[in-house]
Amino acid sequence: QVQLVESGGGLVQAGGSLTLSCAASGRSFSGYAMGWFRQAPGKEREFVATMVWYGGTTSYADSVKGRFIISRDHAKNTVYLQMNSMKPEDTDVYCCAADSSFSRVGIKVEEYDYWGQGTQVTVSS
């Protein structure tokens, strides 16, 4: 059974930092692109960042570019999202996702095959 489990969410003050982790299990994710999305209650899921397997190409939403960094540890089947200079508008439930394409830089929800349950991130002003 494929599982993506996020951790590292919590409460942080504006301007602070937080690092999320997403551990994948149940199969090898070799070749999968891994991404992060976020969602507020009543709103659509929003793309945050993604990293392809081969070459490490990354893409970020404009709202987080220059503040967030996505990385992955292939040996641990884990992807990370380092969030710096956080703002109250970053408050959301953050989910990781896996895309089975080899090289697609996916920014759409429908491009991903597996999803985690999410972790709450709250940024206080």
PDB file of N, CA and C in Angstrom:
ATOM      1  N   GLN A   1       0.847  -1.185   0.000  1.00  0.00           N
ATOM      2  CA  GLN A   1       0.000   0.000   0.000  1.00  0.00           C
ATOM      3  C   GLN A   1       0.882   1.234   0.000  1.00  0.00           C
ATOM      4  N   VAL A   2       0.620   2.112  -0.947  1.00  0.00           N
ATOM      5  CA  VAL A   2       1.408   3.329  -1.064  1.00  0.00           C
ATOM      6  C   VAL A   2       0.964   4.318   0.005  1.00  0.00           C
ATOM      7  N   GLN A   3       1.932   4.884   0.674  1.00  0.00           N
ATOM      8  CA  GLN A   3       1.631   5.900   1.684  1.00  0.00           C
ATOM      9  C   GLN A   3       2.584   7.066   1.572  1.00  0.00           C
ATOM     10  N   LEU A   4       2.037   8.251   1.685  1.00  0.00           N
ATOM     11  CA  LEU A   4       2.826   9.475   1.817  1.00  0.00           C
ATOM     12  C   LEU A   4       2.406  10.096   3.141  1.00  0.00           C
ATOM     13  N   VAL A   5       3.355  10.267   4.036  1.00  0.00           N
ATOM     14  CA  VAL A   5       3.050  10.772   5.368  1.00  0.00           C
ATOM     15  C   VAL A   5       3.839  12.045   5.626  1.00  0.00           C
ATOM     16  N   GLU A   6       3.104  13.133   5.820  1.00  0.00           N
ATOM     17  CA  GLU A   6       3.740  14.417   6.099  1.00  0.00           C
ATOM     18  C   GLU A   6       3.950  14.609   7.599  1.00  0.00           C
ATOM     19  N   SER A   7       4.965  15.380   7.930  1.00  0.00           N
ATOM     20  CA  SER A   7       5.221  15.762   9.319  1.00  0.00           C
ATOM     21  C   SER A   7       5.940  17.099   9.336  1.00  0.00           C
ATOM     22  N   GLY A   8       5.982  17.695  10.529  1.00  0.00           N
ATOM     23  CA  GLY A   8       6.724  18.937  10.681  1.00  0.00           C
ATOM     24  C   GLY A   8       5.870  20.182  10.729  1.00  0.00           C
ATOM     25  N   GLY A   9       4.563  20.037  10.552  1.00  0.00           N
ATOM     26  CA  GLY A   9       3.701  21.200  10.627  1.00  0.00           C
ATOM     27  C   GLY A   9       3.599  21.729  12.042  1.00  0.00           C
ATOM     28  N   GLY A  10       3.022  22.908  12.180  1.00  0.00           N
ATOM     29  CA  GLY A  10       2.866  23.496  13.503  1.00  0.00           C
ATOM     30  C   GLY A  10       2.615  24.973  13.425  1.00  0.00           C
ATOM     31  N   LEU A  11       2.840  25.630  14.552  1.00  0.00           N
ATOM     32  CA  LEU A  11       2.615  27.068  14.676  1.00  0.00           C
ATOM     33  C   LEU A  11       3.958  27.789  14.642  1.00  0.00           C
ATOM     34  N   VAL A  12       4.034  28.844  13.849  1.00  0.00           N
ATOM     35  CA  VAL A  12       5.266  29.624  13.749  1.00  0.00           C
ATOM     36  C   VAL A  12       4.897  31.096  13.624  1.00  0.00           C
ATOM     37  N   GLN A  13       5.752  31.958  14.122  1.00  0.00           N
ATOM     38  CA  GLN A  13       5.504  33.387  14.006  1.00  0.00           C
ATOM     39  C   GLN A  13       5.892  33.889  12.620  1.00  0.00           C
ATOM     40  N   ALA A  14       5.270  34.950  12.191  1.00  0.00           N
ATOM     41  CA  ALA A  14       5.623  35.556  10.917  1.00  0.00           C
ATOM     42  C   ALA A  14       7.112  35.899  10.900  1.00  0.00           C
ATOM     43  N   GLY A  15       7.748  35.585   9.780  1.00  0.00           N
ATOM     44  CA  GLY A  15       9.185  35.792   9.646  1.00  0.00           C
ATOM     45  C   GLY A  15      10.001  34.574  10.029  1.00  0.00           C
ATOM     46  N   GLY A  16       9.356  33.603  10.640  1.00  0.00           N
ATOM     47  CA  GLY A  16      10.041  32.403  11.082  1.00  0.00           C
ATOM     48  C   GLY A  16      10.150  31.352   9.999  1.00  0.00           C
ATOM     49  N   SER A  17      10.680  30.189  10.386  1.00  0.00           N
ATOM     50  CA  SER A  17      10.921  29.094   9.450  1.00  0.00           C
ATOM     51  C   SER A  17      10.339  27.795   9.977  1.00  0.00           C
ATOM     52  N   LEU A  18      10.038  26.918   9.045  1.00  0.00           N
ATOM     53  CA  LEU A  18       9.513  25.597   9.364  1.00  0.00           C
ATOM     54  C   LEU A  18       9.917  24.664   8.230  1.00  0.00           C
ATOM     55  N   THR A  19      10.229  23.417   8.569  1.00  0.00           N
ATOM     56  CA  THR A  19      10.566  22.444   7.530  1.00  0.00           C
ATOM     57  C   THR A  19       9.614  21.265   7.603  1.00  0.00           C
ATOM     58  N   LEU A  20       8.951  20.988   6.507  1.00  0.00           N
ATOM     59  CA  LEU A  20       8.040  19.851   6.409  1.00  0.00           C
ATOM     60  C   LEU A  20       8.775  18.664   5.790  1.00  0.00           C
ATOM     61  N   SER A  21       8.369  17.480   6.193  1.00  0.00           N
ATOM     62  CA  SER A  21       8.908  16.248   5.617  1.00  0.00           C
ATOM     63  C   SER A  21       7.761  15.406   5.079  1.00  0.00           C
ATOM     64  N   CYS A  22       8.051  14.639   4.045  1.00  0.00           N
ATOM     65  CA  CYS A  22       7.074  13.715   3.483  1.00  0.00           C
ATOM     66  C   CYS A  22       7.786  12.396   3.225  1.00  0.00           C
ATOM     67  N   ALA A  23       7.420  11.392   4.000  1.00  0.00           N
ATOM     68  CA  ALA A  23       8.038  10.076   3.863  1.00  0.00           C
ATOM     69  C   ALA A  23       7.147   9.187   3.013  1.00  0.00           C
ATOM     70  N   ALA A  24       7.741   8.618   1.973  1.00  0.00           N
ATOM     71  CA  ALA A  24       6.998   7.748   1.064  1.00  0.00           C
ATOM     72  C   ALA A  24       7.308   6.289   1.363  1.00  0.00           C
ATOM     73  N   SER A  25       6.292   5.454   1.323  1.00  0.00           N
ATOM     74  CA  SER A  25       6.491   4.033   1.579  1.00  0.00           C
ATOM     75  C   SER A  25       5.520   3.221   0.730  1.00  0.00           C
ATOM     76  N   GLY A  26       5.752   1.930   0.663  1.00  0.00           N
ATOM     77  CA  GLY A  26       4.856   1.044  -0.061  1.00  0.00           C
ATOM     78  C   GLY A  26       5.342   0.685  -1.447  1.00  0.00           C
ATOM     79  N   ARG A  27       6.247   1.485  -1.962  1.00  0.00           N
ATOM     80  CA  ARG A  27       6.846   1.198  -3.255  1.00  0.00           C
ATOM     81  C   ARG A  27       8.038   2.115  -3.428  1.00  0.00           C
ATOM     82  N   SER A  28       8.822   1.848  -4.452  1.00  0.00           N
ATOM     83  CA  SER A  28       9.915   2.755  -4.761  1.00  0.00           C
ATOM     84  C   SER A  28       9.377   3.938  -5.548  1.00  0.00           C
ATOM     85  N   PHE A  29       9.823   5.112  -5.194  1.00  0.00           N
ATOM     86  CA  PHE A  29       9.420   6.310  -5.913  1.00  0.00           C
ATOM     87  C   PHE A  29      10.517   6.794  -6.840  1.00  0.00           C
ATOM     88  N   SER A  30      11.397   5.868  -7.176  1.00  0.00           N
ATOM     89  CA  SER A  30      12.427   6.189  -8.156  1.00  0.00           C
ATOM     90  C   SER A  30      11.775   6.601  -9.461  1.00  0.00           C
ATOM     91  N   GLY A  31      12.159   7.759  -9.959  1.00  0.00           N
ATOM     92  CA  GLY A  31      11.582   8.264 -11.193  1.00  0.00           C
ATOM     93  C   GLY A  31      10.377   9.160 -10.997  1.00  0.00           C
ATOM     94  N   TYR A  32       9.804   9.195  -9.807  1.00  0.00           N
ATOM     95  CA  TYR A  32       8.635  10.022  -9.539  1.00  0.00           C
ATOM     96  C   TYR A  32       9.061  11.466  -9.240  1.00  0.00           C
ATOM     97  N   ALA A  33       8.285  12.382  -9.746  1.00  0.00           N
ATOM     98  CA  ALA A  33       8.408  13.759  -9.291  1.00  0.00           C
ATOM     99  C   ALA A  33       7.615  13.881  -7.994  1.00  0.00           C
ATOM    100  N   MET A  34       8.111  14.707  -7.092  1.00  0.00           N
ATOM    101  CA  MET A  34       7.441  14.915  -5.805  1.00  0.00           C
ATOM    102  C   MET A  34       7.099  16.387  -5.658  1.00  0.00           C
ATOM    103  N   GLY A  35       5.885  16.625  -5.206  1.00  0.00           N
ATOM    104  CA  GLY A  35       5.459  18.010  -5.087  1.00  0.00           C
ATOM    105  C   GLY A  35       4.779  18.305  -3.767  1.00  0.00           C
ATOM    106  N   TRP A  36       4.621  19.591  -3.514  1.00  0.00           N
ATOM    107  CA  TRP A  36       3.889  20.089  -2.343  1.00  0.00           C
ATOM    108  C   TRP A  36       2.764  20.991  -2.816  1.00  0.00           C
ATOM    109  N   PHE A  37       1.612  20.807  -2.211  1.00  0.00           N
ATOM    110  CA  PHE A  37       0.452  21.647  -2.450  1.00  0.00           C
ATOM    111  C   PHE A  37      -0.073  22.118  -1.096  1.00  0.00           C
ATOM    112  N   ARG A  38      -0.894  23.145  -1.118  1.00  0.00           N
ATOM    113  CA  ARG A  38      -1.527  23.592   0.116  1.00  0.00           C
ATOM    114  C   ARG A  38      -2.979  23.948  -0.153  1.00  0.00           C
ATOM    115  N   GLN A  39      -3.761  23.880   0.912  1.00  0.00           N
ATOM    116  CA  GLN A  39      -5.195  24.110   0.759  1.00  0.00           C
ATOM    117  C   GLN A  39      -5.771  24.720   2.011  1.00  0.00           C
ATOM    118  N   ALA A  40      -6.527  25.776   1.831  1.00  0.00           N
ATOM    119  CA  ALA A  40      -7.252  26.411   2.924  1.00  0.00           C
ATOM    120  C   ALA A  40      -8.696  25.918   2.874  1.00  0.00           C
ATOM    121  N   PRO A  41      -9.397  25.942   4.007  1.00  0.00           N
ATOM    122  CA  PRO A  41     -10.795  25.494   4.019  1.00  0.00           C
ATOM    123  C   PRO A  41     -11.635  26.241   3.004  1.00  0.00           C
ATOM    124  N   GLY A  42     -12.381  25.502   2.212  1.00  0.00           N
ATOM    125  CA  GLY A  42     -13.259  26.110   1.233  1.00  0.00           C
ATOM    126  C   GLY A  42     -12.587  26.581  -0.036  1.00  0.00           C
ATOM    127  N   LYS A  43     -11.285  26.342  -0.141  1.00  0.00           N
ATOM    128  CA  LYS A  43     -10.555  26.780  -1.332  1.00  0.00           C
ATOM    129  C   LYS A  43      -9.975  25.580  -2.074  1.00  0.00           C
ATOM    130  N   GLU A  44      -9.603  25.805  -3.318  1.00  0.00           N
ATOM    131  CA  GLU A  44      -8.985  24.738  -4.101  1.00  0.00           C
ATOM    132  C   GLU A  44      -7.541  24.520  -3.674  1.00  0.00           C
ATOM    133  N   ARG A  45      -7.084  23.301  -3.913  1.00  0.00           N
ATOM    134  CA  ARG A  45      -5.702  22.978  -3.608  1.00  0.00           C
ATOM    135  C   ARG A  45      -4.781  23.804  -4.515  1.00  0.00           C
ATOM    136  N   GLU A  46      -3.725  24.338  -3.916  1.00  0.00           N
ATOM    137  CA  GLU A  46      -2.838  25.269  -4.630  1.00  0.00           C
ATOM    138  C   GLU A  46      -1.430  24.686  -4.721  1.00  0.00           C
ATOM    139  N   PHE A  47      -0.843  24.765  -5.901  1.00  0.00           N
ATOM    140  CA  PHE A  47       0.524  24.299  -6.096  1.00  0.00           C
ATOM    141  C   PHE A  47       1.500  25.157  -5.311  1.00  0.00           C
ATOM    142  N   VAL A  48       2.493  24.498  -4.699  1.00  0.00           N
ATOM    143  CA  VAL A  48       3.532  25.215  -3.959  1.00  0.00           C
ATOM    144  C   VAL A  48       4.899  25.003  -4.601  1.00  0.00           C
ATOM    145  N   ALA A  49       5.299  23.737  -4.744  1.00  0.00           N
ATOM    146  CA  ALA A  49       6.636  23.440  -5.284  1.00  0.00           C
ATOM    147  C   ALA A  49       6.683  22.002  -5.773  1.00  0.00           C
ATOM    148  N   THR A  50       7.605  21.735  -6.696  1.00  0.00           N
ATOM    149  CA  THR A  50       7.801  20.380  -7.173  1.00  0.00           C
ATOM    150  C   THR A  50       9.251  20.160  -7.564  1.00  0.00           C
ATOM    151  N   MET A  51       9.669  18.901  -7.539  1.00  0.00           N
ATOM    152  CA  MET A  51      11.024  18.545  -7.938  1.00  0.00           C
ATOM    153  C   MET A  51      10.963  17.249  -8.730  1.00  0.00           C
ATOM    154  N   VAL A  52      11.532  17.249  -9.925  1.00  0.00           N
ATOM    155  CA  VAL A  52      11.557  16.031 -10.714  1.00  0.00           C
ATOM    156  C   VAL A  52      12.688  15.138 -10.221  1.00  0.00           C
ATOM    157  N   TRP A  53      12.595  13.857 -10.559  1.00  0.00           N
ATOM    158  CA  TRP A  53      13.591  12.906 -10.072  1.00  0.00           C
ATOM    159  C   TRP A  53      14.936  13.098 -10.754  1.00  0.00           C
ATOM    160  N   TYR A  54      14.876  13.108 -12.093  1.00  0.00           N
ATOM    161  CA  TYR A  54      16.119  13.172 -12.857  1.00  0.00           C
ATOM    162  C   TYR A  54      16.548  14.621 -13.068  1.00  0.00           C
ATOM    163  N   GLY A  55      17.709  14.934 -12.618  1.00  0.00           N
ATOM    164  CA  GLY A  55      18.259  16.270 -12.817  1.00  0.00           C
ATOM    165  C   GLY A  55      17.908  17.243 -11.727  1.00  0.00           C
ATOM    166  N   GLY A  56      16.899  16.933 -10.940  1.00  0.00           N
ATOM    167  CA  GLY A  56      16.552  17.789  -9.817  1.00  0.00           C
ATOM    168  C   GLY A  56      15.907  19.106 -10.185  1.00  0.00           C
ATOM    169  N   THR A  57      15.320  19.190 -11.376  1.00  0.00           N
ATOM    170  CA  THR A  57      14.636  20.429 -11.767  1.00  0.00           C
ATOM    171  C   THR A  57      13.520  20.739 -10.781  1.00  0.00           C
ATOM    172  N   THR A  58      13.432  22.000 -10.389  1.00  0.00           N
ATOM    173  CA  THR A  58      12.402  22.421  -9.448  1.00  0.00           C
ATOM    174  C   THR A  58      11.535  23.524 -10.043  1.00  0.00           C
ATOM    175  N   SER A  59      10.360  23.682  -9.463  1.00  0.00           N
ATOM    176  CA  SER A  59       9.471  24.769  -9.842  1.00  0.00           C
ATOM    177  C   SER A  59       8.731  25.217  -8.602  1.00  0.00           C
ATOM    178  N   TYR A  60       8.497  26.520  -8.501  1.00  0.00           N
ATOM    179  CA  TYR A  60       7.829  27.083  -7.338  1.00  0.00           C
ATOM    180  C   TYR A  60       6.701  28.011  -7.763  1.00  0.00           C
ATOM    181  N   ALA A  61       5.696  28.078  -6.920  1.00  0.00           N
ATOM    182  CA  ALA A  61       4.662  29.087  -7.118  1.00  0.00           C
ATOM    183  C   ALA A  61       5.274  30.455  -6.882  1.00  0.00           C
ATOM    184  N   ASP A  62       4.778  31.443  -7.580  1.00  0.00           N
ATOM    185  CA  ASP A  62       5.322  32.789  -7.427  1.00  0.00           C
ATOM    186  C   ASP A  62       5.223  33.283  -5.983  1.00  0.00           C
ATOM    187  N   SER A  63       4.184  32.857  -5.292  1.00  0.00           N
ATOM    188  CA  SER A  63       3.946  33.337  -3.927  1.00  0.00           C
ATOM    189  C   SER A  63       4.996  32.846  -2.927  1.00  0.00           C
ATOM    190  N   VAL A  64       5.741  31.783  -3.284  1.00  0.00           N
ATOM    191  CA  VAL A  64       6.724  31.239  -2.346  1.00  0.00           C
ATOM    192  C   VAL A  64       8.145  31.298  -2.897  1.00  0.00           C
ATOM    193  N   LYS A  65       8.290  31.707  -4.135  1.00  0.00           N
ATOM    194  CA  LYS A  65       9.604  31.730  -4.779  1.00  0.00           C
ATOM    195  C   LYS A  65      10.556  32.627  -3.990  1.00  0.00           C
ATOM    196  N   GLY A  66      11.750  32.112  -3.724  1.00  0.00           N
ATOM    197  CA  GLY A  66      12.732  32.861  -2.966  1.00  0.00           C
ATOM    198  C   GLY A  66      12.617  32.668  -1.463  1.00  0.00           C
ATOM    199  N   ARG A  67      11.532  32.052  -1.007  1.00  0.00           N
ATOM    200  CA  ARG A  67      11.339  31.815   0.435  1.00  0.00           C
ATOM    201  C   ARG A  67      11.321  30.326   0.771  1.00  0.00           C
ATOM    202  N   PHE A  68      10.756  29.513  -0.108  1.00  0.00           N
ATOM    203  CA  PHE A  68      10.633  28.073   0.144  1.00  0.00           C
ATOM    204  C   PHE A  68      11.647  27.310  -0.702  1.00  0.00           C
ATOM    205  N   ILE A  69      12.123  26.186  -0.156  1.00  0.00           N
ATOM    206  CA  ILE A  69      13.062  25.332  -0.879  1.00  0.00           C
ATOM    207  C   ILE A  69      12.595  23.885  -0.779  1.00  0.00           C
ATOM    208  N   ILE A  70      12.455  23.224  -1.929  1.00  0.00           N
ATOM    209  CA  ILE A  70      12.100  21.811  -1.950  1.00  0.00           C
ATOM    210  C   ILE A  70      13.364  20.985  -2.176  1.00  0.00           C
ATOM    211  N   SER A  71      13.461  19.871  -1.481  1.00  0.00           N
ATOM    212  CA  SER A  71      14.604  18.984  -1.647  1.00  0.00           C
ATOM    213  C   SER A  71      14.146  17.555  -1.366  1.00  0.00           C
ATOM    214  N   ARG A  72      14.974  16.596  -1.704  1.00  0.00           N
ATOM    215  CA  ARG A  72      14.588  15.212  -1.460  1.00  0.00           C
ATOM    216  C   ARG A  72      15.817  14.374  -1.151  1.00  0.00           C
ATOM    217  N   ASP A  73      15.592  13.337  -0.363  1.00  0.00           N
ATOM    218  CA  ASP A  73      16.622  12.361  -0.031  1.00  0.00           C
ATOM    219  C   ASP A  73      16.183  11.049  -0.678  1.00  0.00           C
ATOM    220  N   HIS A  74      16.827  10.688  -1.773  1.00  0.00           N
ATOM    221  CA  HIS A  74      16.417   9.507  -2.525  1.00  0.00           C
ATOM    222  C   HIS A  74      16.543   8.245  -1.681  1.00  0.00           C
ATOM    223  N   ALA A  75      17.603   8.155  -0.912  1.00  0.00           N
ATOM    224  CA  ALA A  75      17.835   6.950  -0.114  1.00  0.00           C
ATOM    225  C   ALA A  75      16.749   6.749   0.936  1.00  0.00           C
ATOM    226  N   LYS A  76      16.210   7.852   1.436  1.00  0.00           N
ATOM    227  CA  LYS A  76      15.182   7.776   2.484  1.00  0.00           C
ATOM    228  C   LYS A  76      13.772   7.871   1.915  1.00  0.00           C
ATOM    229  N   ASN A  77      13.659   8.023   0.596  1.00  0.00           N
ATOM    230  CA  ASN A  77      12.340   8.172  -0.024  1.00  0.00           C
ATOM    231  C   ASN A  77      11.550   9.307   0.626  1.00  0.00           C
ATOM    232  N   THR A  78      12.234  10.396   0.889  1.00  0.00           N
ATOM    233  CA  THR A  78      11.644  11.515   1.620  1.00  0.00           C
ATOM    234  C   THR A  78      11.861  12.819   0.861  1.00  0.00           C
ATOM    235  N   VAL A  79      10.841  13.652   0.852  1.00  0.00           N
ATOM    236  CA  VAL A  79      10.944  14.985   0.260  1.00  0.00           C
ATOM    237  C   VAL A  79      10.685  16.013   1.357  1.00  0.00           C
ATOM    238  N   TYR A  80      11.363  17.148   1.256  1.00  0.00           N
ATOM    239  CA  TYR A  80      11.290  18.182   2.279  1.00  0.00           C
ATOM    240  C   TYR A  80      10.817  19.493   1.670  1.00  0.00           C
ATOM    241  N   LEU A  81      10.228  20.316   2.500  1.00  0.00           N
ATOM    242  CA  LEU A  81       9.892  21.679   2.106  1.00  0.00           C
ATOM    243  C   LEU A  81      10.354  22.604   3.217  1.00  0.00           C
ATOM    244  N   GLN A  82      11.429  23.319   2.946  1.00  0.00           N
ATOM    245  CA  GLN A  82      11.941  24.306   3.901  1.00  0.00           C
ATOM    246  C   GLN A  82      11.253  25.626   3.623  1.00  0.00           C
ATOM    247  N   MET A  83      10.582  26.156   4.641  1.00  0.00           N
ATOM    248  CA  MET A  83       9.810  27.378   4.487  1.00  0.00           C
ATOM    249  C   MET A  83      10.437  28.466   5.348  1.00  0.00           C
ATOM    250  N   ASN A  84      10.884  29.526   4.704  1.00  0.00           N
ATOM    251  CA  ASN A  84      11.538  30.640   5.386  1.00  0.00           C
ATOM    252  C   ASN A  84      10.734  31.928   5.206  1.00  0.00           C
ATOM    253  N   SER A  85      11.031  32.893   6.036  1.00  0.00           N
ATOM    254  CA  SER A  85      10.362  34.205   5.954  1.00  0.00           C
ATOM    255  C   SER A  85       8.857  34.025   5.804  1.00  0.00           C
ATOM    256  N   MET A  86       8.313  33.252   6.671  1.00  0.00           N
ATOM    257  CA  MET A  86       6.913  32.870   6.531  1.00  0.00           C
ATOM    258  C   MET A  86       5.979  34.040   6.825  1.00  0.00           C
ATOM    259  N   LYS A  87       4.821  33.980   6.164  1.00  0.00           N
ATOM    260  CA  LYS A  87       3.814  35.032   6.267  1.00  0.00           C
ATOM    261  C   LYS A  87       2.492  34.425   6.739  1.00  0.00           C
ATOM    262  N   PRO A  88       1.635  35.224   7.338  1.00  0.00           N
ATOM    263  CA  PRO A  88       0.332  34.701   7.768  1.00  0.00           C
ATOM    264  C   PRO A  88      -0.443  34.044   6.616  1.00  0.00           C
ATOM    265  N   GLU A  89      -0.258  34.552   5.408  1.00  0.00           N
ATOM    266  CA  GLU A  89      -0.978  33.970   4.267  1.00  0.00           C
ATOM    267  C   GLU A  89      -0.434  32.603   3.851  1.00  0.00           C
ATOM    268  N   ASP A  90       0.640  32.149   4.475  1.00  0.00           N
ATOM    269  CA  ASP A  90       1.128  30.792   4.247  1.00  0.00           C
ATOM    270  C   ASP A  90       0.360  29.762   5.080  1.00  0.00           C
ATOM    271  N   THR A  91      -0.516  30.243   5.938  1.00  0.00           N
ATOM    272  CA  THR A  91      -1.312  29.337   6.777  1.00  0.00           C
ATOM    273  C   THR A  91      -2.222  28.481   5.909  1.00  0.00           C
ATOM    274  N   ASP A  92      -2.055  27.153   6.012  1.00  0.00           N
ATOM    275  CA  ASP A  92      -2.806  26.213   5.183  1.00  0.00           C
ATOM    276  C   ASP A  92      -2.521  24.792   5.664  1.00  0.00           C
ATOM    277  N   VAL A  93      -3.223  23.839   5.091  1.00  0.00           N
ATOM    278  CA  VAL A  93      -2.853  22.429   5.221  1.00  0.00           C
ATOM    279  C   VAL A  93      -1.956  22.090   4.032  1.00  0.00           C
ATOM    280  N   TYR A  94      -0.771  21.595   4.332  1.00  0.00           N
ATOM    281  CA  TYR A  94       0.210  21.274   3.289  1.00  0.00           C
ATOM    282  C   TYR A  94       0.227  19.779   3.034  1.00  0.00           C
ATOM    283  N   CYS A  95       0.124  19.402   1.746  1.00  0.00           N
ATOM    284  CA  CYS A  95       0.114  17.999   1.342  1.00  0.00           C
ATOM    285  C   CYS A  95       1.252  17.735   0.370  1.00  0.00           C
ATOM    286  N   CYS A  96       1.840  16.577   0.486  1.00  0.00           N
ATOM    287  CA  CYS A  96       2.810  16.168  -0.525  1.00  0.00           C
ATOM    288  C   CYS A  96       2.139  15.211  -1.492  1.00  0.00           C
ATOM    289  N   ALA A  97       2.721  15.100  -2.676  1.00  0.00           N
ATOM    290  CA  ALA A  97       2.138  14.273  -3.729  1.00  0.00           C
ATOM    291  C   ALA A  97       3.234  13.706  -4.613  1.00  0.00           C
ATOM    292  N   ALA A  98       2.939  12.578  -5.263  1.00  0.00           N
ATOM    293  CA  ALA A  98       3.895  11.923  -6.143  1.00  0.00           C
ATOM    294  C   ALA A  98       3.320  11.799  -7.552  1.00  0.00           C
ATOM    295  N   ASP A  99       4.134  12.163  -8.529  1.00  0.00           N
ATOM    296  CA  ASP A  99       3.760  12.142  -9.946  1.00  0.00           C
ATOM    297  C   ASP A  99       4.628  11.106 -10.650  1.00  0.00           C
ATOM    298  N   SER A 100       4.003  10.135 -11.292  1.00  0.00           N
ATOM    299  CA  SER A 100       4.752   9.022 -11.885  1.00  0.00           C
ATOM    300  C   SER A 100       5.494   9.382 -13.170  1.00  0.00           C
ATOM    301  N   SER A 101       5.339  10.599 -13.654  1.00  0.00           N
ATOM    302  CA  SER A 101       6.067  10.970 -14.872  1.00  0.00           C
ATOM    303  C   SER A 101       7.543  11.117 -14.564  1.00  0.00           C
ATOM    304  N   PHE A 102       8.372  10.872 -15.571  1.00  0.00           N
ATOM    305  CA  PHE A 102       9.825  10.932 -15.357  1.00  0.00           C
ATOM    306  C   PHE A 102      10.332  12.356 -15.288  1.00  0.00           C
ATOM    307  N   SER A 103       9.785  13.240 -16.058  1.00  0.00           N
ATOM    308  CA  SER A 103      10.407  14.552 -16.175  1.00  0.00           C
ATOM    309  C   SER A 103       9.429  15.712 -16.156  1.00  0.00           C
ATOM    310  N   ARG A 104       8.147  15.414 -16.026  1.00  0.00           N
ATOM    311  CA  ARG A 104       7.168  16.499 -16.034  1.00  0.00           C
ATOM    312  C   ARG A 104       7.320  17.376 -14.789  1.00  0.00           C
ATOM    313  N   VAL A 105       7.286  18.645 -14.981  1.00  0.00           N
ATOM    314  CA  VAL A 105       7.289  19.591 -13.867  1.00  0.00           C
ATOM    315  C   VAL A 105       5.830  19.923 -13.597  1.00  0.00           C
ATOM    316  N   GLY A 106       5.164  19.062 -12.854  1.00  0.00           N
ATOM    317  CA  GLY A 106       3.734  19.157 -12.655  1.00  0.00           C
ATOM    318  C   GLY A 106       3.338  20.239 -11.669  1.00  0.00           C
ATOM    319  N   ILE A 107       2.402  21.076 -12.076  1.00  0.00           N
ATOM    320  CA  ILE A 107       1.899  22.100 -11.174  1.00  0.00           C
ATOM    321  C   ILE A 107       0.391  21.979 -10.980  1.00  0.00           C
ATOM    322  N   LYS A 108      -0.201  20.950 -11.582  1.00  0.00           N
ATOM    323  CA  LYS A 108      -1.643  20.762 -11.475  1.00  0.00           C
ATOM    324  C   LYS A 108      -1.962  19.547 -10.607  1.00  0.00           C
ATOM    325  N   VAL A 109      -3.036  19.640  -9.865  1.00  0.00           N
ATOM    326  CA  VAL A 109      -3.451  18.563  -8.975  1.00  0.00           C
ATOM    327  C   VAL A 109      -3.624  17.247  -9.744  1.00  0.00           C
ATOM    328  N   GLU A 110      -4.235  17.329 -10.916  1.00  0.00           N
ATOM    329  CA  GLU A 110      -4.555  16.116 -11.686  1.00  0.00           C
ATOM    330  C   GLU A 110      -3.330  15.416 -12.259  1.00  0.00           C
ATOM    331  N   GLU A 111      -2.167  16.020 -12.164  1.00  0.00           N
ATOM    332  CA  GLU A 111      -0.950  15.409 -12.681  1.00  0.00           C
ATOM    333  C   GLU A 111      -0.292  14.482 -11.656  1.00  0.00           C
ATOM    334  N   TYR A 112      -0.827  14.419 -10.458  1.00  0.00           N
ATOM    335  CA  TYR A 112      -0.230  13.628  -9.386  1.00  0.00           C
ATOM    336  C   TYR A 112      -1.067  12.394  -9.086  1.00  0.00           C
ATOM    337  N   ASP A 113      -0.345  11.294  -8.797  1.00  0.00           N
ATOM    338  CA  ASP A 113      -0.996   9.993  -8.629  1.00  0.00           C
ATOM    339  C   ASP A 113      -1.271   9.628  -7.173  1.00  0.00           C
ATOM    340  N   TYR A 114      -0.416  10.064  -6.280  1.00  0.00           N
ATOM    341  CA  TYR A 114      -0.548   9.709  -4.861  1.00  0.00           C
ATOM    342  C   TYR A 114      -0.489  10.965  -4.012  1.00  0.00           C
ATOM    343  N   TRP A 115      -1.250  10.933  -2.898  1.00  0.00           N
ATOM    344  CA  TRP A 115      -1.345  12.097  -2.021  1.00  0.00           C
ATOM    345  C   TRP A 115      -1.232  11.698  -0.566  1.00  0.00           C
ATOM    346  N   GLY A 116      -0.624  12.578   0.216  1.00  0.00           N
ATOM    347  CA  GLY A 116      -0.626  12.413   1.656  1.00  0.00           C
ATOM    348  C   GLY A 116      -1.861  13.054   2.258  1.00  0.00           C
ATOM    349  N   GLN A 117      -2.013  12.891   3.565  1.00  0.00           N
ATOM    350  CA  GLN A 117      -3.189  13.414   4.265  1.00  0.00           C
ATOM    351  C   GLN A 117      -3.045  14.894   4.602  1.00  0.00           C
ATOM    352  N   GLY A 118      -1.825  15.353   4.694  1.00  0.00           N
ATOM    353  CA  GLY A 118      -1.600  16.766   4.958  1.00  0.00           C
ATOM    354  C   GLY A 118      -1.184  17.051   6.386  1.00  0.00           C
ATOM    355  N   THR A 119      -0.543  18.193   6.561  1.00  0.00           N
ATOM    356  CA  THR A 119      -0.138  18.669   7.880  1.00  0.00           C
ATOM    357  C   THR A 119      -0.448  20.152   7.981  1.00  0.00           C
ATOM    358  N   GLN A 120      -0.978  20.570   9.125  1.00  0.00           N
ATOM    359  CA  GLN A 120      -1.406  21.961   9.300  1.00  0.00           C
ATOM    360  C   GLN A 120      -0.209  22.852   9.597  1.00  0.00           C
ATOM    361  N   VAL A 121      -0.151  23.957   8.899  1.00  0.00           N
ATOM    362  CA  VAL A 121       0.841  24.988   9.155  1.00  0.00           C
ATOM    363  C   VAL A 121       0.098  26.285   9.459  1.00  0.00           C
ATOM    364  N   THR A 122       0.415  26.890  10.591  1.00  0.00           N
ATOM    365  CA  THR A 122      -0.234  28.135  10.994  1.00  0.00           C
ATOM    366  C   THR A 122       0.841  29.183  11.275  1.00  0.00           C
ATOM    367  N   VAL A 123       0.713  30.330  10.625  1.00  0.00           N
ATOM    368  CA  VAL A 123       1.667  31.414  10.809  1.00  0.00           C
ATOM    369  C   VAL A 123       0.944  32.564  11.496  1.00  0.00           C
ATOM    370  N   SER A 124       1.416  32.928  12.678  1.00  0.00           N
ATOM    371  CA  SER A 124       0.784  34.003  13.436  1.00  0.00           C
ATOM    372  C   SER A 124       1.454  35.330  13.109  1.00  0.00           C
ATOM    373  N   SER A 125       0.653  36.388  13.137  1.00  0.00           N
ATOM    374  CA  SER A 125       1.183  37.726  12.814  1.00  0.00           C
ATOM    375  C   SER A 125       1.717  38.432  14.045  1.00  0.00           C
TER     376      SER A 125
END
